[in-house]
């Protein structure tokens, strides 16, 4: 026996897990192995847990981190420690950083990264993490610009990392049910879609403040700005109202379209639009004093954006209209829908107009209704698919070698391009002809400056 052991050692033989378990059973009388070490029902062995870091730890980031609490939360980078205090307390074993670059450079045990920051800070840490071979979960909208969405999707593909955008409704059944109904022709070919939201619920169409304020002592304002041009701190930017400022956010369109247009993009396989055009309040009309002083700073208080998409396979061309700021389409379908649903149900926010009828749904593809109602009554509902569960957990399974996450960058990258492209039309104020494959406005060359952006030194891609 001694000679056999020596022989095995010389050959570098490794004992299998099955062999180890057998040996462990033989010595069970002398050694008690806790269940949490070996795993079991309701238990995850430590070796099977993912080491996750987060760029951002307050606000929405806290929710994303909590949804990943089944794993090892090993590091947290946050520029405003007061907002992240509860998260720091909940995960006392996580190392705390202010600068995400330092975190990714120094901490070698990180396998996956959550990024939940203002929009302008999505792409730089995501690119850095992916180039280091780390999986990433990025809040919606995936990126601040069209170019960033394109390059993130390409990089994820190249690095073969698991990715997910934080449009959590995509993990629900509503998106899939709507897709199946459209595929089955329940309302016939769809030629027009309308969507609307009450956003913004923060100030837009305003002047940059002249007065300055001292940043909170718990905040590193320079790192909060990141790639954006420097400006003095003011509470009109942080911690909440940044969405309306072009340097930091993507306005109402960027905030809500990744939810509302998700079932539209998924069901209709939209691809690249051929054109995009925007209507904004008269104060933002070209040549007005207000436009000259605010349009380069913030999104307008309300807008309407029109997209045109060509035929896709057996699907006809489709027109997509987006309304925000409280604007809504005047459509008979919308008025009729008020009689279809009960008082406690939310109003629909998306309308698909087909040749045979109309399909309506809510923010996440929920509360599906049809006009006439008989379409829904007669339609045989598809069997529900395998549950995706919590959106973050869907990503974690992908990180561990499972199926690609449902809103991975191959899906959410092109989708985000559609969303943020609307902001080009809002900022330019004219109809733009779009060459999707080449990522270029063909009829208004000046608009191409908004396809990408410049980055402050140290925060580039």
Protein backbone atom coordinates (compact mmCIF):
# COMPACT_ATOMS: atom_id res chain seq x y z
CA UNK A 1 0.00 0.00 0.00
CA UNK A 2 2.84 2.40 0.85
CA UNK A 3 4.49 1.67 -2.48
CA UNK A 4 1.19 2.32 -4.30
CA UNK A 5 0.76 5.70 -2.57
CA UNK A 6 4.29 6.70 -3.48
CA UNK A 7 3.68 5.65 -7.07
CA UNK A 8 0.51 7.74 -7.28
CA UNK A 9 2.29 10.74 -5.80
CA UNK A 10 5.09 10.47 -8.33
CA UNK A 11 2.62 10.31 -11.20
CA UNK A 12 0.90 13.47 -9.91
CA UNK A 13 -2.44 11.69 -9.69
CA UNK A 14 -5.35 13.78 -8.39
CA UNK A 15 -8.10 12.22 -6.38
CA UNK A 16 -11.59 12.82 -7.85
CA UNK A 17 -14.44 14.49 -5.95
CA UNK A 18 -16.27 11.14 -5.96
CA UNK A 19 -13.20 9.46 -4.54
CA UNK A 20 -12.85 12.15 -1.93
CA UNK A 21 -16.48 11.76 -0.89
CA UNK A 22 -15.95 8.02 -0.49
CA UNK A 23 -12.91 8.60 1.65
CA UNK A 24 -14.76 11.23 3.65
CA UNK A 25 -17.52 8.75 4.40
CA UNK A 26 -14.96 6.25 5.67
CA UNK A 27 -13.68 8.68 8.27
CA UNK A 28 -17.06 10.20 9.14
CA UNK A 29 -16.84 8.69 12.58
CA UNK A 30 -13.87 10.89 13.32
CA UNK A 31 -14.64 14.02 11.27
CA UNK A 32 -17.91 15.96 11.06
CA UNK A 33 -18.16 17.95 7.81
CA UNK A 34 -20.71 20.83 8.00
CA UNK A 35 -23.35 20.83 5.28
CA UNK A 36 -22.45 24.34 4.12
CA UNK A 37 -18.98 23.06 3.19
CA UNK A 38 -20.18 20.26 0.93
CA UNK A 39 -23.45 21.79 -0.21
CA UNK A 40 -26.91 20.29 -0.16
CA UNK A 41 -30.54 21.33 -0.47
CA UNK A 42 -30.71 25.09 -0.02
CA UNK A 43 -26.95 25.34 0.46
CA UNK A 44 -24.31 26.56 -2.01
CA UNK A 45 -20.76 25.33 -1.42
CA UNK A 46 -18.35 28.27 -1.06
CA UNK A 47 -16.36 26.99 -4.02
CA UNK A 48 -19.46 27.40 -6.21
CA UNK A 49 -20.07 31.02 -5.25
CA UNK A 50 -19.13 33.86 -7.55
CA UNK A 51 -16.87 36.66 -6.30
CA UNK A 52 -18.78 39.82 -7.20
CA UNK A 53 -17.73 43.46 -6.97
CA UNK A 54 -19.88 46.51 -7.61
CA UNK A 55 -19.18 49.91 -9.09
CA UNK A 56 -21.79 51.86 -7.16
CA UNK A 57 -23.22 50.77 -3.82
CA UNK A 58 -26.06 53.19 -3.09
CA UNK A 59 -29.37 53.79 -4.88
CA UNK A 60 -30.18 51.22 -7.57
CA UNK A 61 -26.82 49.54 -7.01
CA UNK A 62 -27.92 48.51 -3.52
CA UNK A 63 -30.90 46.67 -5.00
CA UNK A 64 -28.70 44.88 -7.57
CA UNK A 65 -26.17 43.90 -4.90
CA UNK A 66 -28.88 42.57 -2.58
CA UNK A 67 -30.22 40.43 -5.42
CA UNK A 68 -26.75 38.88 -5.70
CA UNK A 69 -26.36 38.23 -1.96
CA UNK A 70 -26.33 34.48 -2.64
CA UNK A 71 -22.76 35.00 -3.86
CA UNK A 72 -19.60 36.45 -2.32
CA UNK A 73 -19.78 40.25 -2.38
CA UNK A 74 -16.04 40.90 -2.17
CA UNK A 75 -15.59 44.58 -3.10
CA UNK A 76 -17.59 47.79 -3.35
CA UNK A 77 -16.53 51.01 -5.12
CA UNK A 78 -18.62 54.08 -4.30
CA UNK A 79 -17.90 57.81 -4.65
CA UNK A 80 -20.58 58.85 -2.13
CA UNK A 81 -20.10 56.89 1.07
CA UNK A 82 -23.13 58.32 2.85
CA UNK A 83 -25.50 56.95 0.20
CA UNK A 84 -23.81 53.56 0.39
CA UNK A 85 -23.63 53.29 4.19
CA UNK A 86 -26.36 50.65 4.51
CA UNK A 87 -24.76 48.48 1.84
CA UNK A 88 -21.38 48.75 3.56
CA UNK A 89 -23.00 47.61 6.81
CA UNK A 90 -24.82 44.71 5.17
CA UNK A 91 -21.66 43.36 3.51
CA UNK A 92 -18.95 43.97 6.12
CA UNK A 93 -16.52 41.53 4.47
CA UNK A 94 -16.44 43.49 1.22
CA UNK A 95 -13.40 45.71 0.70
CA UNK A 96 -14.39 49.34 0.17
CA UNK A 97 -12.94 51.60 -2.51
CA UNK A 98 -13.70 55.06 -3.82
CA UNK A 99 -12.17 54.61 -7.30
CA UNK A 100 -13.37 51.64 -9.36
CA UNK A 101 -10.07 51.63 -11.27
CA UNK A 102 -8.12 50.99 -8.08
CA UNK A 103 -10.55 48.24 -7.13
CA UNK A 104 -10.19 46.41 -10.43
CA UNK A 105 -6.41 46.88 -10.53
CA UNK A 106 -5.71 45.73 -6.97
CA UNK A 107 -8.27 43.09 -6.11
CA UNK A 108 -7.48 39.95 -8.06
CA UNK A 109 -10.24 37.70 -6.72
CA UNK A 110 -13.04 39.57 -8.52
CA UNK A 111 -14.83 37.41 -11.10
CA UNK A 112 -17.88 39.53 -11.93
CA UNK A 113 -18.83 43.19 -11.65
CA UNK A 114 -22.12 45.04 -11.19
CA UNK A 115 -22.17 48.57 -12.61
CA UNK A 116 -25.01 50.76 -11.34
CA UNK A 117 -24.00 54.40 -11.65
CA UNK A 118 -25.23 57.44 -13.60
CA UNK A 119 -25.40 56.67 -17.33
CA UNK A 120 -22.16 58.44 -18.27
CA UNK A 121 -20.23 56.08 -16.00
CA UNK A 122 -21.52 52.80 -17.42
CA UNK A 123 -19.17 52.16 -20.33
CA UNK A 124 -15.71 52.97 -18.85
CA UNK A 125 -15.84 50.49 -15.93
CA UNK A 126 -17.68 47.90 -18.05
CA UNK A 127 -14.96 48.03 -20.70
CA UNK A 128 -12.18 47.83 -18.11
CA UNK A 129 -13.78 44.85 -16.39
CA UNK A 130 -14.48 42.92 -19.61
CA UNK A 131 -10.95 43.46 -20.91
CA UNK A 132 -9.79 41.84 -17.68
CA UNK A 133 -12.02 38.84 -18.40
CA UNK A 134 -14.68 39.68 -15.82
CA UNK A 135 -18.43 39.19 -16.30
CA UNK A 136 -20.53 42.37 -16.10
CA UNK A 137 -24.06 43.40 -15.18
CA UNK A 138 -24.78 46.98 -16.28
CA UNK A 139 -27.83 49.00 -15.35
CA UNK A 140 -30.07 50.41 -18.08
CA UNK A 141 -29.60 52.20 -20.35
CA UNK A 142 -26.57 50.09 -21.13
CA UNK A 143 -24.59 53.10 -22.33
CA UNK A 144 -24.58 56.86 -22.73
CA UNK A 145 -23.98 56.87 -26.52
CA UNK A 146 -24.59 54.76 -29.61
CA UNK A 147 -20.88 54.08 -30.07
CA UNK A 148 -20.50 52.83 -26.51
CA UNK A 149 -23.34 50.35 -26.99
CA UNK A 150 -21.72 49.01 -30.17
CA UNK A 151 -18.24 48.66 -28.66
CA UNK A 152 -19.46 47.04 -25.44
CA UNK A 153 -21.34 44.37 -27.37
CA UNK A 154 -18.30 43.70 -29.56
CA UNK A 155 -15.98 43.49 -26.56
CA UNK A 156 -18.26 41.11 -24.67
CA UNK A 157 -18.31 38.82 -27.68
CA UNK A 158 -14.53 38.96 -28.05
CA UNK A 159 -13.79 38.35 -24.36
CA UNK A 160 -16.47 35.65 -24.04
CA UNK A 161 -17.81 37.04 -20.77
CA UNK A 162 -21.34 36.76 -19.39
CA UNK A 163 -23.28 40.01 -19.61
CA UNK A 164 -26.67 41.44 -18.69
CA UNK A 165 -28.36 44.84 -18.94
CA UNK A 166 -30.56 45.79 -15.99
CA UNK A 167 -33.93 45.93 -17.77
CA UNK A 168 -35.46 43.50 -15.30
CA UNK A 169 -38.76 43.15 -17.13
CA UNK A 170 -36.99 41.04 -19.73
CA UNK A 171 -36.84 38.22 -17.19
CA UNK A 172 -40.63 38.21 -16.88
CA UNK A 173 -43.15 36.22 -18.89
CA UNK A 174 -44.84 39.27 -20.40
CA UNK A 175 -42.13 39.92 -22.99
CA UNK A 176 -42.20 36.29 -24.13
CA UNK A 177 -46.00 36.06 -24.27
CA UNK A 178 -46.24 39.19 -26.40
CA UNK A 179 -43.53 37.87 -28.69
CA UNK A 180 -45.41 34.59 -29.15
CA UNK A 181 -48.71 36.36 -29.85
CA UNK A 182 -47.07 38.53 -32.52
CA UNK A 183 -45.29 35.50 -34.01
CA UNK A 184 -48.57 33.55 -34.12
CA UNK A 185 -50.28 36.42 -35.93
CA UNK A 186 -52.86 37.02 -33.20
CA UNK A 187 -53.28 40.67 -34.28
CA UNK A 188 -51.86 40.27 -37.79
CA UNK A 189 -48.80 42.05 -39.18
CA UNK A 190 -47.80 45.01 -36.98
CA UNK A 191 -47.22 48.28 -38.84
CA UNK A 192 -47.29 50.82 -36.03
CA UNK A 193 -46.36 50.96 -32.34
CA UNK A 194 -46.91 53.80 -29.88
CA UNK A 195 -45.35 54.08 -26.40
CA UNK A 196 -45.49 56.79 -23.74
CA UNK A 197 -44.35 57.64 -20.21
CA UNK A 198 -44.92 60.31 -17.59
CA UNK A 199 -41.14 60.76 -17.22
CA UNK A 200 -39.26 62.98 -16.60
CA UNK A 201 -39.98 63.32 -12.90
CA UNK A 202 -36.84 65.43 -12.54
CA UNK A 203 -36.10 68.92 -13.99
CA UNK A 204 -35.31 69.17 -17.71
CA UNK A 205 -35.14 72.08 -20.11
CA UNK A 206 -33.47 74.31 -17.53
CA UNK A 207 -30.40 76.53 -17.35
CA UNK A 208 -27.12 75.50 -15.81
CA UNK A 209 -26.94 77.06 -12.33
CA UNK A 210 -24.64 80.05 -11.92
CA UNK A 211 -24.08 79.60 -8.22
CA UNK A 212 -21.76 76.90 -6.91
CA UNK A 213 -22.12 74.64 -3.91
CA UNK A 214 -19.70 72.67 -1.81
CA UNK A 215 -19.89 68.94 -2.48
CA UNK A 216 -20.86 66.78 0.50
CA UNK A 217 -17.87 65.77 2.57
CA UNK A 218 -18.69 62.11 1.96
CA UNK A 219 -18.60 62.54 -1.85
CA UNK A 220 -15.64 62.56 -4.22
CA UNK A 221 -17.08 64.93 -6.82
CA UNK A 222 -14.20 64.56 -9.28
CA UNK A 223 -14.68 60.79 -9.43
CA UNK A 224 -18.46 61.23 -9.69
CA UNK A 225 -17.88 63.33 -12.83
CA UNK A 226 -15.59 60.64 -14.22
CA UNK A 227 -15.38 61.02 -18.02
CA UNK A 228 -17.61 64.13 -18.12
CA UNK A 229 -16.15 67.65 -18.52
CA UNK A 230 -15.44 69.27 -15.18
CA UNK A 231 -18.07 71.56 -13.64
CA UNK A 232 -18.57 72.72 -10.04
CA UNK A 233 -20.79 70.59 -7.83
CA UNK A 234 -24.44 71.51 -7.46
CA UNK A 235 -27.34 69.58 -5.96
CA UNK A 236 -29.22 69.94 -9.27
CA UNK A 237 -26.88 67.24 -10.63
CA UNK A 238 -26.37 64.80 -7.78
CA UNK A 239 -27.43 62.64 -6.19
CA UNK A 240 -30.69 62.31 -8.18
CA UNK A 241 -31.38 64.86 -10.91
CA UNK A 242 -28.48 63.93 -13.19
CA UNK A 243 -30.73 62.08 -15.68
CA UNK A 244 -31.86 65.28 -17.37
CA UNK A 245 -28.34 66.62 -18.05
CA UNK A 246 -26.78 65.41 -21.30
CA UNK A 247 -23.31 65.15 -19.75
CA UNK A 248 -24.58 62.56 -17.29
CA UNK A 249 -27.89 61.04 -18.38
CA UNK A 250 -30.08 60.14 -21.35
CA UNK A 251 -33.28 61.92 -20.36
CA UNK A 252 -36.71 60.33 -20.16
CA UNK A 253 -36.07 58.29 -23.29
CA UNK A 254 -32.96 56.67 -21.83
CA UNK A 255 -34.59 56.05 -18.48
CA UNK A 256 -37.84 54.39 -19.56
CA UNK A 257 -37.53 53.17 -23.15
CA UNK A 258 -35.33 50.26 -22.07
CA UNK A 259 -38.42 49.00 -20.21
CA UNK A 260 -41.33 50.13 -22.37
CA UNK A 261 -39.79 49.31 -25.75
CA UNK A 262 -38.34 45.99 -24.63
CA UNK A 263 -41.37 43.89 -25.67
CA UNK A 264 -41.49 45.90 -28.91
CA UNK A 265 -37.85 45.29 -29.75
CA UNK A 266 -38.05 41.64 -28.74
CA UNK A 267 -41.29 40.79 -30.57
CA UNK A 268 -40.67 42.80 -33.73
CA UNK A 269 -36.92 42.17 -34.02
CA UNK A 270 -36.44 45.83 -34.85
CA UNK A 271 -32.79 46.01 -35.87
CA UNK A 272 -31.49 49.33 -37.20
CA UNK A 273 -33.97 52.13 -37.93
CA UNK A 274 -33.65 53.94 -41.24
CA UNK A 275 -34.63 57.29 -39.77
CA UNK A 276 -35.40 59.06 -36.51
CA UNK A 277 -37.10 62.41 -35.95
CA UNK A 278 -38.09 64.36 -32.84
CA UNK A 279 -40.63 67.04 -31.93
CA UNK A 280 -39.97 69.19 -28.85
CA UNK A 281 -41.77 72.12 -27.17
CA UNK A 282 -41.72 75.42 -29.04
CA UNK A 283 -39.21 76.88 -26.57
CA UNK A 284 -36.74 74.30 -27.89
CA UNK A 285 -37.46 75.01 -31.54
CA UNK A 286 -34.41 75.76 -33.63
CA UNK A 287 -33.26 79.38 -33.33
CA UNK A 288 -35.06 80.15 -30.07
CA UNK A 289 -33.18 81.77 -27.21
CA UNK A 290 -34.06 78.98 -24.79
CA UNK A 291 -32.85 76.31 -27.19
CA UNK A 292 -29.46 77.98 -27.62
CA UNK A 293 -29.00 78.13 -23.88
CA UNK A 294 -30.38 74.76 -22.78
CA UNK A 295 -30.51 72.17 -25.56
CA UNK A 296 -26.80 71.46 -25.26
CA UNK A 297 -27.22 71.10 -21.50
CA UNK A 298 -30.42 69.18 -20.84
CA UNK A 299 -33.13 67.17 -22.51
CA UNK A 300 -36.42 69.06 -23.06
CA UNK A 301 -39.30 68.87 -20.60
CA UNK A 302 -41.25 66.76 -23.11
CA UNK A 303 -40.64 65.22 -26.51
CA UNK A 304 -42.06 63.00 -29.24
CA UNK A 305 -39.67 60.76 -31.18
CA UNK A 306 -40.55 58.97 -34.43
CA UNK A 307 -38.57 55.95 -35.68
CA UNK A 308 -38.97 54.17 -39.01
CA UNK A 309 -37.82 50.56 -39.39
CA UNK A 310 -37.60 48.65 -42.69
CA UNK A 311 -39.14 45.25 -43.37
CA UNK A 312 -37.50 42.44 -41.37
CA UNK A 313 -37.90 38.93 -42.78
CA UNK A 314 -41.65 38.40 -43.16
CA UNK A 315 -42.47 41.45 -41.03
CA UNK A 316 -43.55 44.66 -42.77
CA UNK A 317 -41.97 48.09 -42.18
CA UNK A 318 -43.02 49.55 -38.86
CA UNK A 319 -43.34 53.06 -37.45
CA UNK A 320 -42.57 53.54 -33.77
CA UNK A 321 -43.64 56.68 -31.88
CA UNK A 322 -42.39 57.63 -28.42
CA UNK A 323 -44.05 60.24 -26.15
CA UNK A 324 -42.71 61.54 -22.84
CA UNK A 325 -43.17 64.44 -20.43
CA UNK A 326 -46.85 63.66 -20.00
CA UNK A 327 -47.63 63.78 -23.73
CA UNK A 328 -49.83 60.95 -24.96
CA UNK A 329 -51.25 59.94 -28.31
CA UNK A 330 -54.91 60.59 -29.01
CA UNK A 331 -55.98 57.14 -30.15
CA UNK A 332 -59.37 55.41 -30.08
CA UNK A 333 -57.65 52.26 -28.83
CA UNK A 334 -56.41 54.07 -25.74
CA UNK A 335 -59.85 55.44 -24.93
CA UNK A 336 -61.49 52.05 -25.41
CA UNK A 337 -58.92 50.35 -23.21
CA UNK A 338 -60.18 52.26 -20.18
CA UNK A 339 -63.37 50.26 -20.38
CA UNK A 340 -61.56 46.97 -20.86
CA UNK A 341 -59.49 46.97 -17.69
CA UNK A 342 -60.47 47.13 -14.04
CA UNK A 343 -59.82 50.14 -11.86
CA UNK A 344 -56.88 48.58 -10.07
CA UNK A 345 -54.99 47.69 -13.23
CA UNK A 346 -52.47 50.13 -14.60
CA UNK A 347 -53.12 51.89 -17.86
CA UNK A 348 -51.31 50.39 -20.83
CA UNK A 349 -48.16 52.19 -21.91
CA UNK A 350 -47.52 50.47 -25.25
CA UNK A 351 -49.89 49.86 -28.18
CA UNK A 352 -49.17 47.47 -31.07
CA UNK A 353 -51.43 48.19 -34.05
CA UNK A 354 -51.87 45.12 -36.25
CA UNK A 355 -53.94 44.46 -39.35
CA UNK A 356 -56.35 42.28 -37.35
CA UNK A 357 -56.47 44.13 -34.04
CA UNK A 358 -54.60 45.94 -31.31
CA UNK A 359 -52.45 44.62 -28.49
CA UNK A 360 -51.68 46.73 -25.43
CA UNK A 361 -49.39 46.16 -22.48
CA UNK A 362 -47.82 47.86 -19.47
CA UNK A 363 -44.28 48.85 -18.57
CA UNK A 364 -42.74 45.37 -18.43
CA UNK A 365 -44.94 43.68 -21.00
CA UNK A 366 -47.51 43.00 -18.26
CA UNK A 367 -51.28 43.59 -18.20
CA UNK A 368 -51.68 42.37 -21.79
CA UNK A 369 -55.00 43.31 -23.43
CA UNK A 370 -56.38 43.20 -26.94
CA UNK A 371 -58.99 45.10 -28.90
CA UNK A 372 -61.34 43.62 -29.73
CA UNK A 373 -61.20 41.62 -26.45
CA UNK A 374 -62.22 38.46 -28.34
CA UNK A 375 -58.68 38.16 -29.71
CA UNK A 376 -57.30 37.51 -26.23
CA UNK A 377 -60.26 35.34 -25.24
CA UNK A 378 -59.83 33.03 -28.24
CA UNK A 379 -56.03 32.99 -28.30
CA UNK A 380 -54.49 29.89 -26.78
CA UNK A 381 -51.93 31.16 -24.32
CA UNK A 382 -48.47 29.64 -24.84
CA UNK A 383 -47.03 27.51 -22.10
CA UNK A 384 -44.83 29.49 -19.79
CA UNK A 385 -41.15 28.91 -20.40
CA UNK A 386 -38.58 27.85 -17.86
CA UNK A 387 -38.61 30.58 -15.21
CA UNK A 388 -35.76 33.06 -15.50
CA UNK A 389 -36.38 34.22 -11.98
CA UNK A 390 -34.61 37.27 -10.61
CA UNK A 391 -32.85 39.18 -13.38
CA UNK A 392 -29.53 39.31 -11.52
CA UNK A 393 -29.69 35.57 -10.78
CA UNK A 394 -30.27 34.90 -14.46
CA UNK A 395 -26.92 36.64 -15.05
CA UNK A 396 -25.21 34.73 -12.24
CA UNK A 397 -26.21 31.41 -13.82
CA UNK A 398 -24.68 32.59 -17.09
CA UNK A 399 -21.48 33.57 -15.27
CA UNK A 400 -21.27 30.01 -13.95
CA UNK A 401 -21.44 28.50 -17.42
CA UNK A 402 -25.19 28.33 -17.97
CA UNK A 403 -27.17 29.67 -20.91
CA UNK A 404 -26.43 33.28 -21.94
CA UNK A 405 -28.34 35.78 -19.83
CA UNK A 406 -31.65 36.84 -21.36
CA UNK A 407 -30.65 40.50 -21.87
CA UNK A 408 -26.99 39.90 -22.68
CA UNK A 409 -25.17 42.51 -24.74
CA UNK A 410 -25.86 40.74 -28.05
CA UNK A 411 -29.49 41.69 -27.39
CA UNK A 412 -29.26 44.78 -25.20
CA UNK A 413 -26.42 46.44 -27.13
CA UNK A 414 -28.34 46.92 -30.41
CA UNK A 415 -31.48 47.69 -28.39
CA UNK A 416 -29.68 50.47 -26.52
CA UNK A 417 -28.46 51.88 -29.83
CA UNK A 418 -32.10 52.38 -30.86
CA UNK A 419 -32.97 54.06 -27.56
CA UNK A 420 -30.11 56.56 -27.36
CA UNK A 421 -30.27 57.28 -31.09
CA UNK A 422 -33.52 59.12 -30.34
CA UNK A 423 -31.52 61.63 -28.31
CA UNK A 424 -29.55 62.60 -31.42
CA UNK A 425 -32.80 63.64 -33.08
CA UNK A 426 -33.88 65.55 -29.96
CA UNK A 427 -30.60 67.44 -29.82
CA UNK A 428 -30.42 68.23 -33.55
CA UNK A 429 -34.10 69.00 -34.09
CA UNK A 430 -34.29 67.59 -37.61
CA UNK A 431 -35.10 64.25 -39.22
CA UNK A 432 -32.01 62.07 -39.38
CA UNK A 433 -31.36 59.38 -41.96
CA UNK A 434 -29.47 56.58 -40.22
CA UNK A 435 -26.92 54.11 -41.64
CA UNK A 436 -26.96 51.54 -38.87
CA UNK A 437 -24.16 49.19 -39.96
CA UNK A 438 -21.77 52.13 -40.35
CA UNK A 439 -23.16 53.98 -37.31
CA UNK A 440 -23.57 57.21 -39.24
CA UNK A 441 -26.12 59.97 -39.87
CA UNK A 442 -26.05 60.43 -43.65
CA UNK A 443 -28.07 63.61 -44.20
CA UNK A 444 -26.93 65.81 -41.27
CA UNK A 445 -23.15 65.38 -40.79
CA UNK A 446 -23.09 67.63 -37.73
CA UNK A 447 -25.30 65.16 -35.86
CA UNK A 448 -22.52 62.56 -35.91
CA UNK A 449 -20.72 64.39 -33.10
CA UNK A 450 -23.37 62.96 -30.77
CA UNK A 451 -22.82 59.35 -31.87
CA UNK A 452 -19.85 59.21 -29.52
CA UNK A 453 -18.26 61.66 -27.08
CA UNK A 454 -14.93 62.80 -25.67
CA UNK A 455 -13.70 61.49 -22.33
CA UNK A 456 -11.73 63.15 -19.62
CA UNK A 457 -8.23 61.77 -19.28
CA UNK A 458 -8.13 58.58 -17.28
CA UNK A 459 -11.73 57.54 -17.99
CA UNK A 460 -11.65 56.52 -21.65
CA UNK A 461 -12.56 53.20 -23.21
